[in-house]
Amino acid sequence: MPSQLSSKQTALLTGIRDILVAVTEEGRGDETADALTYGLSLAQAADAHLTIQSAACRLTVVAGVSWGIVNDLVAGENRRLHALAKTIADRAHEEAANAGVICTSEAHVLAYPELIGRLTARARLADLTVLDAGAREVGIDRDLIDTLLFSSGRPLLVVPPGWKTFSARRVLVAWDGSAQAARAANEALPFLRAAEVVEIVSVIGEKDLSTSAAGAELAPHLARHGVNVSVTQVPVDGDVAATLRTRVGLFRADMLVMGAFRHSRLREWFFGGVTQSMLSHSPLPLFLAH
């Protein structure tokens, strides 16, 4: 899996030493795990250690049910899920070895709270976690994204279906002056320094940004870190997420850096929000921090 970066760009990614890829196996047969190939290509480009956590949610018997046939069916399904998760981990480990990437991998079948807790704990030990966006707004993948954003203390790279190879030549930074946007821009510095061109984009007209630091004020800060940066403002067209998606296409971006959940998850769940919309309909990998 060849790197798409020059040796100079690869050197600029050395701040990324530990990458976690977490995948969940639900046993339906229609899951995609593009985060695995994307994470592997990123680890190769950055010469980083890759940790793979392949996990499935363990089925349990309803309390009070003691029918032997039910217990046997549930136990059999859990064995099948573990075999699927292990197959994913083993295959990814082999691909990493073939690519010359140092890799550790584990496969688990855990009850839902334990699964989320284990992956959150592992994410705290990595510089960056790579996850699949997930095809559904309600599911383990989306719960994992939300939990890691709020509880791991680490940034995420969320990979949409069909995006298999890491690239960071052209990076767009969504800027609204919020604490979340500031953290995302700072955490993404290895990618911003390695990019050929970075654009700070502010969507205007949707909310009052007059008391926030402007993108033009962020640009000198990034430039001092060696980032080749430009600034643009675009009027909101429909909503912020749709406007960002349009700008992503016009800029031909490989990655979008943005702060996640400026509003609470509950508010975004009921009323919608930029984070939820981008996770559901993103045309490119999202670098997210909260």
C-alpha atoms as a PDB file:
ATOM      1  CA  MET A   1       0.000   0.000   0.000  1.00  0.00           C
ATOM      2  CA  PRO A   2       2.113   2.930  -1.187  1.00  0.00           C
ATOM      3  CA  SER A   3       2.240   6.196   0.724  1.00  0.00           C
ATOM      4  CA  GLN A   4       0.805   9.200  -1.086  1.00  0.00           C
ATOM      5  CA  LEU A   5       3.120  11.600   0.735  1.00  0.00           C
ATOM      6  CA  SER A   6       6.643  12.793  -0.014  1.00  0.00           C
ATOM      7  CA  SER A   7       9.431  11.989   2.446  1.00  0.00           C
ATOM      8  CA  LYS A   8       9.241  15.572   3.733  1.00  0.00           C
ATOM      9  CA  GLN A   9       5.507  15.296   4.312  1.00  0.00           C
ATOM     10  CA  THR A  10       5.974  11.930   6.031  1.00  0.00           C
ATOM     11  CA  ALA A  11       8.530  13.510   8.360  1.00  0.00           C
ATOM     12  CA  LEU A  12       5.976  16.149   9.329  1.00  0.00           C
ATOM     13  CA  LEU A  13       3.613  13.398  10.494  1.00  0.00           C
ATOM     14  CA  THR A  14       6.066  12.087  13.089  1.00  0.00           C
ATOM     15  CA  GLY A  15       3.959  13.630  15.854  1.00  0.00           C
ATOM     16  CA  ILE A  16       1.563  10.751  15.229  1.00  0.00           C
ATOM     17  CA  ARG A  17       3.174   7.674  16.772  1.00  0.00           C
ATOM     18  CA  ASP A  18       0.192   5.584  17.914  1.00  0.00           C
ATOM     19  CA  ILE A  19      -2.931   5.013  15.816  1.00  0.00           C
ATOM     20  CA  LEU A  20      -5.925   3.032  17.001  1.00  0.00           C
ATOM     21  CA  VAL A  21      -8.412   1.586  14.532  1.00  0.00           C
ATOM     22  CA  ALA A  22     -11.590   0.333  16.184  1.00  0.00           C
ATOM     23  CA  VAL A  23     -14.102  -1.692  14.192  1.00  0.00           C
ATOM     24  CA  THR A  24     -17.332  -3.249  15.362  1.00  0.00           C
ATOM     25  CA  GLU A  25     -18.741  -6.477  13.930  1.00  0.00           C
ATOM     26  CA  GLU A  26     -22.510  -6.795  14.143  1.00  0.00           C
ATOM     27  CA  GLY A  27     -22.761 -10.010  12.162  1.00  0.00           C
ATOM     28  CA  ARG A  28     -25.141  -8.695   9.509  1.00  0.00           C
ATOM     29  CA  GLY A  29     -22.733  -9.212   6.634  1.00  0.00           C
ATOM     30  CA  ASP A  30     -23.245  -5.707   5.182  1.00  0.00           C
ATOM     31  CA  GLU A  31     -20.722  -3.809   7.321  1.00  0.00           C
ATOM     32  CA  THR A  32     -17.839  -1.975   5.713  1.00  0.00           C
ATOM     33  CA  ALA A  33     -14.504  -1.487   7.459  1.00  0.00           C
ATOM     34  CA  ASP A  34     -12.810   1.130   5.327  1.00  0.00           C
ATOM     35  CA  ALA A  35     -11.314   2.543   8.536  1.00  0.00           C
ATOM     36  CA  LEU A  36      -8.981  -0.471   8.555  1.00  0.00           C
ATOM     37  CA  THR A  37      -7.421   0.157   5.155  1.00  0.00           C
ATOM     38  CA  TYR A  38      -7.431   3.928   5.725  1.00  0.00           C
ATOM     39  CA  GLY A  39      -5.811   3.552   9.147  1.00  0.00           C
ATOM     40  CA  LEU A  40      -3.215   1.177   7.750  1.00  0.00           C
ATOM     41  CA  SER A  41      -2.250   3.569   4.965  1.00  0.00           C
ATOM     42  CA  LEU A  42      -2.025   6.404   7.512  1.00  0.00           C
ATOM     43  CA  ALA A  43       0.173   4.322   9.831  1.00  0.00           C
ATOM     44  CA  GLN A  44       2.435   3.498   6.897  1.00  0.00           C
ATOM     45  CA  ALA A  45       2.677   7.151   5.846  1.00  0.00           C
ATOM     46  CA  ALA A  46       3.450   8.309   9.396  1.00  0.00           C
ATOM     47  CA  ASP A  47       5.640   5.320  10.274  1.00  0.00           C
ATOM     48  CA  ALA A  48       3.397   4.864  13.299  1.00  0.00           C
ATOM     49  CA  HIS A  49       2.394   1.896  15.429  1.00  0.00           C
ATOM     50  CA  LEU A  50      -1.050   0.539  14.560  1.00  0.00           C
ATOM     51  CA  THR A  51      -3.399  -0.977  17.122  1.00  0.00           C
ATOM     52  CA  ILE A  52      -6.486  -2.787  15.865  1.00  0.00           C
ATOM     53  CA  GLN A  53      -9.441  -3.462  18.125  1.00  0.00           C
ATOM     54  CA  SER A  54     -12.063  -5.662  16.466  1.00  0.00           C
ATOM     55  CA  ALA A  55     -15.072  -6.033  18.723  1.00  0.00           C
ATOM     56  CA  ALA A  56     -18.572  -7.441  18.644  1.00  0.00           C
ATOM     57  CA  CYS A  57     -21.432  -6.867  21.057  1.00  0.00           C
ATOM     58  CA  ARG A  58     -22.170 -10.006  23.064  1.00  0.00           C
ATOM     59  CA  LEU A  59     -25.759 -11.233  23.084  1.00  0.00           C
ATOM     60  CA  THR A  60     -27.287 -12.078  26.431  1.00  0.00           C
ATOM     61  CA  VAL A  61     -30.287 -14.118  27.507  1.00  0.00           C
ATOM     62  CA  VAL A  62     -33.147 -12.181  29.078  1.00  0.00           C
ATOM     63  CA  ALA A  63     -33.121 -12.590  32.851  1.00  0.00           C
ATOM     64  CA  GLY A  64     -35.349 -15.453  33.944  1.00  0.00           C
ATOM     65  CA  VAL A  65     -35.169 -17.357  30.674  1.00  0.00           C
ATOM     66  CA  SER A  66     -33.734 -20.792  31.374  1.00  0.00           C
ATOM     67  CA  TRP A  67     -34.617 -22.706  28.234  1.00  0.00           C
ATOM     68  CA  GLY A  68     -31.613 -24.706  27.194  1.00  0.00           C
ATOM     69  CA  ILE A  69     -32.251 -24.223  23.477  1.00  0.00           C
ATOM     70  CA  VAL A  70     -32.274 -20.418  23.887  1.00  0.00           C
ATOM     71  CA  ASN A  71     -29.015 -20.468  25.810  1.00  0.00           C
ATOM     72  CA  ASP A  72     -27.452 -22.710  23.179  1.00  0.00           C
ATOM     73  CA  LEU A  73     -28.579 -20.432  20.334  1.00  0.00           C
ATOM     74  CA  VAL A  74     -27.205 -17.332  22.051  1.00  0.00           C
ATOM     75  CA  ALA A  75     -23.918 -19.047  22.862  1.00  0.00           C
ATOM     76  CA  GLY A  76     -23.603 -20.203  19.260  1.00  0.00           C
ATOM     77  CA  GLU A  77     -24.243 -16.710  17.922  1.00  0.00           C
ATOM     78  CA  ASN A  78     -21.646 -15.244  20.282  1.00  0.00           C
ATOM     79  CA  ARG A  79     -19.109 -17.785  19.042  1.00  0.00           C
ATOM     80  CA  ARG A  80     -19.931 -16.790  15.468  1.00  0.00           C
ATOM     81  CA  LEU A  81     -19.504 -13.099  16.274  1.00  0.00           C
ATOM     82  CA  HIS A  82     -16.167 -13.749  17.942  1.00  0.00           C
ATOM     83  CA  ALA A  83     -14.987 -15.728  14.919  1.00  0.00           C
ATOM     84  CA  LEU A  84     -15.984 -12.857  12.611  1.00  0.00           C
ATOM     85  CA  ALA A  85     -14.239 -10.278  14.802  1.00  0.00           C
ATOM     86  CA  LYS A  86     -11.109 -12.435  14.994  1.00  0.00           C
ATOM     87  CA  THR A  87     -11.072 -12.910  11.234  1.00  0.00           C
ATOM     88  CA  ILE A  88     -11.116  -9.139  10.756  1.00  0.00           C
ATOM     89  CA  ALA A  89      -8.319  -8.623  13.283  1.00  0.00           C
ATOM     90  CA  ASP A  90      -6.163 -11.424  11.874  1.00  0.00           C
ATOM     91  CA  ARG A  91      -6.581 -10.287   8.274  1.00  0.00           C
ATOM     92  CA  ALA A  92      -5.755  -6.684   9.169  1.00  0.00           C
ATOM     93  CA  HIS A  93      -2.723  -7.797  11.161  1.00  0.00           C
ATOM     94  CA  GLU A  94      -1.453  -9.767   8.180  1.00  0.00           C
ATOM     95  CA  GLU A  95      -1.984  -6.826   5.819  1.00  0.00           C
ATOM     96  CA  ALA A  96      -0.089  -4.561   8.220  1.00  0.00           C
ATOM     97  CA  ALA A  97       2.830  -6.990   8.343  1.00  0.00           C
ATOM     98  CA  ASN A  98       2.912  -7.142   4.547  1.00  0.00           C
ATOM     99  CA  ALA A  99       2.974  -3.325   4.450  1.00  0.00           C
ATOM    100  CA  GLY A 100       5.831  -3.156   6.957  1.00  0.00           C
ATOM    101  CA  VAL A 101       3.687  -1.600   9.702  1.00  0.00           C
ATOM    102  CA  ILE A 102       4.176  -2.686  13.310  1.00  0.00           C
ATOM    103  CA  CYS A 103       0.755  -3.759  14.525  1.00  0.00           C
ATOM    104  CA  THR A 104      -0.979  -5.243  17.535  1.00  0.00           C
ATOM    105  CA  SER A 105      -4.513  -6.586  17.260  1.00  0.00           C
ATOM    106  CA  GLU A 106      -7.202  -7.943  19.529  1.00  0.00           C
ATOM    107  CA  ALA A 107     -10.668  -9.394  18.993  1.00  0.00           C
ATOM    108  CA  HIS A 108     -13.381  -9.325  21.648  1.00  0.00           C
ATOM    109  CA  VAL A 109     -17.027 -10.169  22.183  1.00  0.00           C
ATOM    110  CA  LEU A 110     -18.230  -8.008  25.061  1.00  0.00           C
ATOM    111  CA  ALA A 111     -21.481  -6.789  26.537  1.00  0.00           C
ATOM    112  CA  TYR A 112     -22.344  -3.344  25.177  1.00  0.00           C
ATOM    113  CA  PRO A 113     -21.189  -1.258  28.203  1.00  0.00           C
ATOM    114  CA  GLU A 114     -17.946  -3.232  28.415  1.00  0.00           C
ATOM    115  CA  LEU A 115     -17.329  -2.890  24.665  1.00  0.00           C
ATOM    116  CA  ILE A 116     -17.748   0.894  24.723  1.00  0.00           C
ATOM    117  CA  GLY A 117     -15.696   1.152  27.919  1.00  0.00           C
ATOM    118  CA  ARG A 118     -12.811  -0.923  26.591  1.00  0.00           C
ATOM    119  CA  LEU A 119     -12.562   0.961  23.303  1.00  0.00           C
ATOM    120  CA  THR A 120     -12.743   4.291  25.142  1.00  0.00           C
ATOM    121  CA  ALA A 121      -9.900   3.226  27.443  1.00  0.00           C
ATOM    122  CA  ARG A 122      -7.813   2.112  24.449  1.00  0.00           C
ATOM    123  CA  ALA A 123      -8.467   5.396  22.632  1.00  0.00           C
ATOM    124  CA  ARG A 124      -6.957   7.312  25.554  1.00  0.00           C
ATOM    125  CA  LEU A 125      -3.653   5.551  24.875  1.00  0.00           C
ATOM    126  CA  ALA A 126      -3.461   6.551  21.205  1.00  0.00           C
ATOM    127  CA  ASP A 127      -2.642   9.803  19.432  1.00  0.00           C
ATOM    128  CA  LEU A 128      -5.595   9.328  17.123  1.00  0.00           C
ATOM    129  CA  THR A 129      -8.491   6.911  16.675  1.00  0.00           C
ATOM    130  CA  VAL A 130      -9.780   5.975  13.227  1.00  0.00           C
ATOM    131  CA  LEU A 131     -13.413   4.854  12.977  1.00  0.00           C
ATOM    132  CA  ASP A 132     -15.949   4.067  10.289  1.00  0.00           C
ATOM    133  CA  ALA A 133     -18.697   6.635   9.920  1.00  0.00           C
ATOM    134  CA  GLY A 134     -21.336   3.919  10.004  1.00  0.00           C
ATOM    135  CA  ALA A 135     -24.303   3.729   7.683  1.00  0.00           C
ATOM    136  CA  ARG A 136     -26.949   4.292  10.367  1.00  0.00           C
ATOM    137  CA  GLU A 137     -27.592   7.208  12.712  1.00  0.00           C
ATOM    138  CA  VAL A 138     -28.463   4.763  15.500  1.00  0.00           C
ATOM    139  CA  GLY A 139     -26.005   1.948  16.098  1.00  0.00           C
ATOM    140  CA  ILE A 140     -22.789   0.901  17.788  1.00  0.00           C
ATOM    141  CA  ASP A 141     -20.583   2.818  15.338  1.00  0.00           C
ATOM    142  CA  ARG A 142     -22.368   6.122  15.966  1.00  0.00           C
ATOM    143  CA  ASP A 143     -22.508   5.547  19.731  1.00  0.00           C
ATOM    144  CA  LEU A 144     -18.778   4.855  19.689  1.00  0.00           C
ATOM    145  CA  ILE A 145     -18.028   8.070  17.791  1.00  0.00           C
ATOM    146  CA  ASP A 146     -20.090  10.153  20.228  1.00  0.00           C
ATOM    147  CA  THR A 147     -18.609   8.489  23.316  1.00  0.00           C
ATOM    148  CA  LEU A 148     -15.004   8.770  22.193  1.00  0.00           C
ATOM    149  CA  LEU A 149     -15.435  12.430  21.265  1.00  0.00           C
ATOM    150  CA  PHE A 150     -16.701  13.280  24.746  1.00  0.00           C
ATOM    151  CA  SER A 151     -14.799  10.766  26.882  1.00  0.00           C
ATOM    152  CA  SER A 152     -11.480   9.739  25.321  1.00  0.00           C
ATOM    153  CA  GLY A 153      -9.737  13.133  25.360  1.00  0.00           C
ATOM    154  CA  ARG A 154      -8.339  12.305  21.911  1.00  0.00           C
ATOM    155  CA  PRO A 155      -9.254  13.339  18.364  1.00  0.00           C
ATOM    156  CA  LEU A 156     -10.984  11.063  15.882  1.00  0.00           C
ATOM    157  CA  LEU A 157     -10.693  10.494  12.158  1.00  0.00           C
ATOM    158  CA  VAL A 158     -14.059   9.289  10.902  1.00  0.00           C
ATOM    159  CA  VAL A 159     -13.938   7.558   7.526  1.00  0.00           C
ATOM    160  CA  PRO A 160     -16.994   7.477   5.230  1.00  0.00           C
ATOM    161  CA  PRO A 161     -17.758   4.407   3.109  1.00  0.00           C
ATOM    162  CA  GLY A 162     -15.569   4.044   0.036  1.00  0.00           C
ATOM    163  CA  TRP A 163     -12.644   6.150   1.313  1.00  0.00           C
ATOM    164  CA  LYS A 164      -9.903   3.546   1.706  1.00  0.00           C
ATOM    165  CA  THR A 165      -6.592   5.407   1.401  1.00  0.00           C
ATOM    166  CA  PHE A 166      -5.180   8.177   3.549  1.00  0.00           C
ATOM    167  CA  SER A 167      -4.351  11.457   1.877  1.00  0.00           C
ATOM    168  CA  ALA A 168      -3.814  14.932   3.297  1.00  0.00           C
ATOM    169  CA  ARG A 169      -2.619  17.040   0.399  1.00  0.00           C
ATOM    170  CA  ARG A 170      -5.550  19.454   0.579  1.00  0.00           C
ATOM    171  CA  VAL A 171      -7.123  20.052   3.997  1.00  0.00           C
ATOM    172  CA  LEU A 172     -10.096  22.250   4.855  1.00  0.00           C
ATOM    173  CA  VAL A 173     -10.439  23.656   8.389  1.00  0.00           C
ATOM    174  CA  ALA A 174     -13.974  24.629   9.419  1.00  0.00           C
ATOM    175  CA  TRP A 175     -13.657  27.636  11.734  1.00  0.00           C
ATOM    176  CA  ASP A 176     -16.280  29.354  13.860  1.00  0.00           C
ATOM    177  CA  GLY A 177     -14.037  30.583  16.672  1.00  0.00           C
ATOM    178  CA  SER A 178     -15.392  28.032  19.172  1.00  0.00           C
ATOM    179  CA  ALA A 179     -13.337  26.080  21.714  1.00  0.00           C
ATOM    180  CA  GLN A 180     -14.119  22.892  19.805  1.00  0.00           C
ATOM    181  CA  ALA A 181     -12.837  24.347  16.522  1.00  0.00           C
ATOM    182  CA  ALA A 182      -9.690  25.598  18.249  1.00  0.00           C
ATOM    183  CA  ARG A 183      -8.961  22.188  19.720  1.00  0.00           C
ATOM    184  CA  ALA A 184      -9.550  20.459  16.384  1.00  0.00           C
ATOM    185  CA  ALA A 185      -7.189  22.830  14.557  1.00  0.00           C
ATOM    186  CA  ASN A 186      -4.499  22.330  17.178  1.00  0.00           C
ATOM    187  CA  GLU A 187      -4.836  18.533  17.304  1.00  0.00           C
ATOM    188  CA  ALA A 188      -4.709  18.383  13.500  1.00  0.00           C
ATOM    189  CA  LEU A 189      -1.400  20.279  13.229  1.00  0.00           C
ATOM    190  CA  PRO A 190       0.607  17.245  12.008  1.00  0.00           C
ATOM    191  CA  PHE A 191      -1.786  16.918   9.062  1.00  0.00           C
ATOM    192  CA  LEU A 192      -1.928  20.665   8.452  1.00  0.00           C
ATOM    193  CA  ARG A 193       1.871  20.941   8.353  1.00  0.00           C
ATOM    194  CA  ALA A 194       2.110  17.988   5.979  1.00  0.00           C
ATOM    195  CA  ALA A 195      -0.588  19.311   3.632  1.00  0.00           C
ATOM    196  CA  GLU A 196       0.339  21.044   0.410  1.00  0.00           C
ATOM    197  CA  VAL A 197      -2.407  23.598   0.978  1.00  0.00           C
ATOM    198  CA  VAL A 198      -4.805  24.332   3.837  1.00  0.00           C
ATOM    199  CA  GLU A 199      -7.871  26.552   3.699  1.00  0.00           C
ATOM    200  CA  ILE A 200      -9.643  27.997   6.719  1.00  0.00           C
ATOM    201  CA  VAL A 201     -13.315  28.368   5.876  1.00  0.00           C
ATOM    202  CA  SER A 202     -15.891  30.273   7.930  1.00  0.00           C
ATOM    203  CA  VAL A 203     -19.572  30.001   7.086  1.00  0.00           C
ATOM    204  CA  ILE A 204     -21.223  33.360   7.676  1.00  0.00           C
ATOM    205  CA  GLY A 205     -24.858  34.321   8.023  1.00  0.00           C
ATOM    206  CA  GLU A 206     -26.055  31.378  10.107  1.00  0.00           C
ATOM    207  CA  LYS A 207     -24.957  32.728  13.509  1.00  0.00           C
ATOM    208  CA  ASP A 208     -23.260  35.785  14.971  1.00  0.00           C
ATOM    209  CA  LEU A 209     -19.480  35.373  14.782  1.00  0.00           C
ATOM    210  CA  SER A 210     -18.676  38.979  15.652  1.00  0.00           C
ATOM    211  CA  THR A 211     -17.324  38.126  19.106  1.00  0.00           C
ATOM    212  CA  SER A 212     -15.264  35.140  17.881  1.00  0.00           C
ATOM    213  CA  ALA A 213     -11.717  35.171  16.572  1.00  0.00           C
ATOM    214  CA  ALA A 214     -11.894  35.344  12.788  1.00  0.00           C
ATOM    215  CA  GLY A 215     -10.295  32.853  10.447  1.00  0.00           C
ATOM    216  CA  ALA A 216      -7.927  35.612   9.336  1.00  0.00           C
ATOM    217  CA  GLU A 217      -6.652  35.721  12.940  1.00  0.00           C
ATOM    218  CA  LEU A 218      -6.156  31.954  13.075  1.00  0.00           C
ATOM    219  CA  ALA A 219      -4.158  31.942   9.837  1.00  0.00           C
ATOM    220  CA  PRO A 220      -0.993  33.624  11.240  1.00  0.00           C
ATOM    221  CA  HIS A 221      -0.959  31.149  14.128  1.00  0.00           C
ATOM    222  CA  LEU A 222      -1.040  28.195  11.722  1.00  0.00           C
ATOM    223  CA  ALA A 223       1.532  29.856   9.457  1.00  0.00           C
ATOM    224  CA  ARG A 224       3.935  30.096  12.402  1.00  0.00           C
ATOM    225  CA  HIS A 225       3.675  26.313  12.591  1.00  0.00           C
ATOM    226  CA  GLY A 226       4.726  26.009   8.960  1.00  0.00           C
ATOM    227  CA  VAL A 227       1.240  25.592   7.495  1.00  0.00           C
ATOM    228  CA  ASN A 228       0.616  26.847   3.943  1.00  0.00           C
ATOM    229  CA  VAL A 229      -2.742  28.435   4.713  1.00  0.00           C
ATOM    230  CA  SER A 230      -5.374  30.630   3.079  1.00  0.00           C
ATOM    231  CA  VAL A 231      -8.661  31.997   4.406  1.00  0.00           C
ATOM    232  CA  THR A 232     -12.125  32.269   2.920  1.00  0.00           C
ATOM    233  CA  GLN A 233     -15.600  33.196   4.073  1.00  0.00           C
ATOM    234  CA  VAL A 234     -18.652  31.701   2.408  1.00  0.00           C
ATOM    235  CA  PRO A 235     -22.285  32.668   2.928  1.00  0.00           C
ATOM    236  CA  VAL A 236     -24.493  29.972   4.347  1.00  0.00           C
ATOM    237  CA  ASP A 237     -26.490  28.187   1.665  1.00  0.00           C
ATOM    238  CA  GLY A 238     -29.294  26.142   3.210  1.00  0.00           C
ATOM    239  CA  ASP A 239     -27.400  25.173   6.355  1.00  0.00           C
ATOM    240  CA  VAL A 240     -23.808  25.082   7.577  1.00  0.00           C
ATOM    241  CA  ALA A 241     -23.261  21.381   6.875  1.00  0.00           C
ATOM    242  CA  ALA A 242     -24.519  21.665   3.295  1.00  0.00           C
ATOM    243  CA  THR A 243     -22.380  24.752   2.767  1.00  0.00           C
ATOM    244  CA  LEU A 244     -19.293  22.921   4.060  1.00  0.00           C
ATOM    245  CA  ARG A 245     -19.987  19.950   1.791  1.00  0.00           C
ATOM    246  CA  THR A 246     -20.166  22.289  -1.195  1.00  0.00           C
ATOM    247  CA  ARG A 247     -16.887  23.952  -0.202  1.00  0.00           C
ATOM    248  CA  VAL A 248     -15.239  20.539   0.240  1.00  0.00           C
ATOM    249  CA  GLY A 249     -16.042  19.753  -3.391  1.00  0.00           C
ATOM    250  CA  LEU A 250     -14.898  23.101  -4.745  1.00  0.00           C
ATOM    251  CA  PHE A 251     -11.628  22.922  -2.792  1.00  0.00           C
ATOM    252  CA  ARG A 252     -11.106  19.233  -3.694  1.00  0.00           C
ATOM    253  CA  ALA A 253     -10.269  18.527  -0.064  1.00  0.00           C
ATOM    254  CA  ASP A 254      -8.885  15.228   1.213  1.00  0.00           C
ATOM    255  CA  MET A 255      -9.838  15.920   4.831  1.00  0.00           C
ATOM    256  CA  LEU A 256     -12.132  18.249   6.779  1.00  0.00           C
ATOM    257  CA  VAL A 257     -11.002  19.398  10.233  1.00  0.00           C
ATOM    258  CA  MET A 258     -13.821  20.581  12.479  1.00  0.00           C
ATOM    259  CA  GLY A 259     -14.855  20.910  16.082  1.00  0.00           C
ATOM    260  CA  ALA A 260     -17.582  18.475  17.082  1.00  0.00           C
ATOM    261  CA  PHE A 261     -20.779  19.037  19.060  1.00  0.00           C
ATOM    262  CA  ARG A 262     -20.699  22.733  19.859  1.00  0.00           C
ATOM    263  CA  HIS A 263     -24.228  22.069  21.111  1.00  0.00           C
ATOM    264  CA  SER A 264     -25.097  19.114  23.330  1.00  0.00           C
ATOM    265  CA  ARG A 265     -25.628  15.690  21.793  1.00  0.00           C
ATOM    266  CA  LEU A 266     -29.250  15.762  23.008  1.00  0.00           C
ATOM    267  CA  ARG A 267     -29.911  19.071  21.271  1.00  0.00           C
ATOM    268  CA  GLU A 268     -28.337  17.826  18.049  1.00  0.00           C
ATOM    269  CA  TRP A 269     -30.329  14.603  18.286  1.00  0.00           C
ATOM    270  CA  PHE A 270     -33.656  16.447  18.450  1.00  0.00           C
ATOM    271  CA  PHE A 271     -32.976  19.555  16.397  1.00  0.00           C
ATOM    272  CA  GLY A 272     -30.143  18.495  14.148  1.00  0.00           C
ATOM    273  CA  GLY A 273     -26.688  19.995  13.999  1.00  0.00           C
ATOM    274  CA  VAL A 274     -23.556  20.310  11.911  1.00  0.00           C
ATOM    275  CA  THR A 275     -21.796  17.356  13.549  1.00  0.00           C
ATOM    276  CA  GLN A 276     -24.672  14.914  13.113  1.00  0.00           C
ATOM    277  CA  SER A 277     -25.285  16.055   9.551  1.00  0.00           C
ATOM    278  CA  MET A 278     -21.636  15.726   8.565  1.00  0.00           C
ATOM    279  CA  LEU A 279     -21.350  12.277  10.155  1.00  0.00           C
ATOM    280  CA  SER A 280     -24.422  11.127   8.247  1.00  0.00           C
ATOM    281  CA  HIS A 281     -23.488  12.638   4.891  1.00  0.00           C
ATOM    282  CA  SER A 282     -19.777  13.298   4.697  1.00  0.00           C
ATOM    283  CA  PRO A 283     -18.028  13.062   1.310  1.00  0.00           C
ATOM    284  CA  LEU A 284     -14.557  12.794   2.910  1.00  0.00           C
ATOM    285  CA  PRO A 285     -12.778  11.824   6.149  1.00  0.00           C
ATOM    286  CA  LEU A 286     -13.576  14.051   9.123  1.00  0.00           C
ATOM    287  CA  PHE A 287     -10.947  14.992  11.682  1.00  0.00           C
ATOM    288  CA  LEU A 288     -13.014  15.712  14.815  1.00  0.00           C
ATOM    289  CA  ALA A 289     -12.246  16.970  18.299  1.00  0.00           C
ATOM    290  CA  HIS A 290     -14.497  18.185  21.078  1.00  0.00           C
END
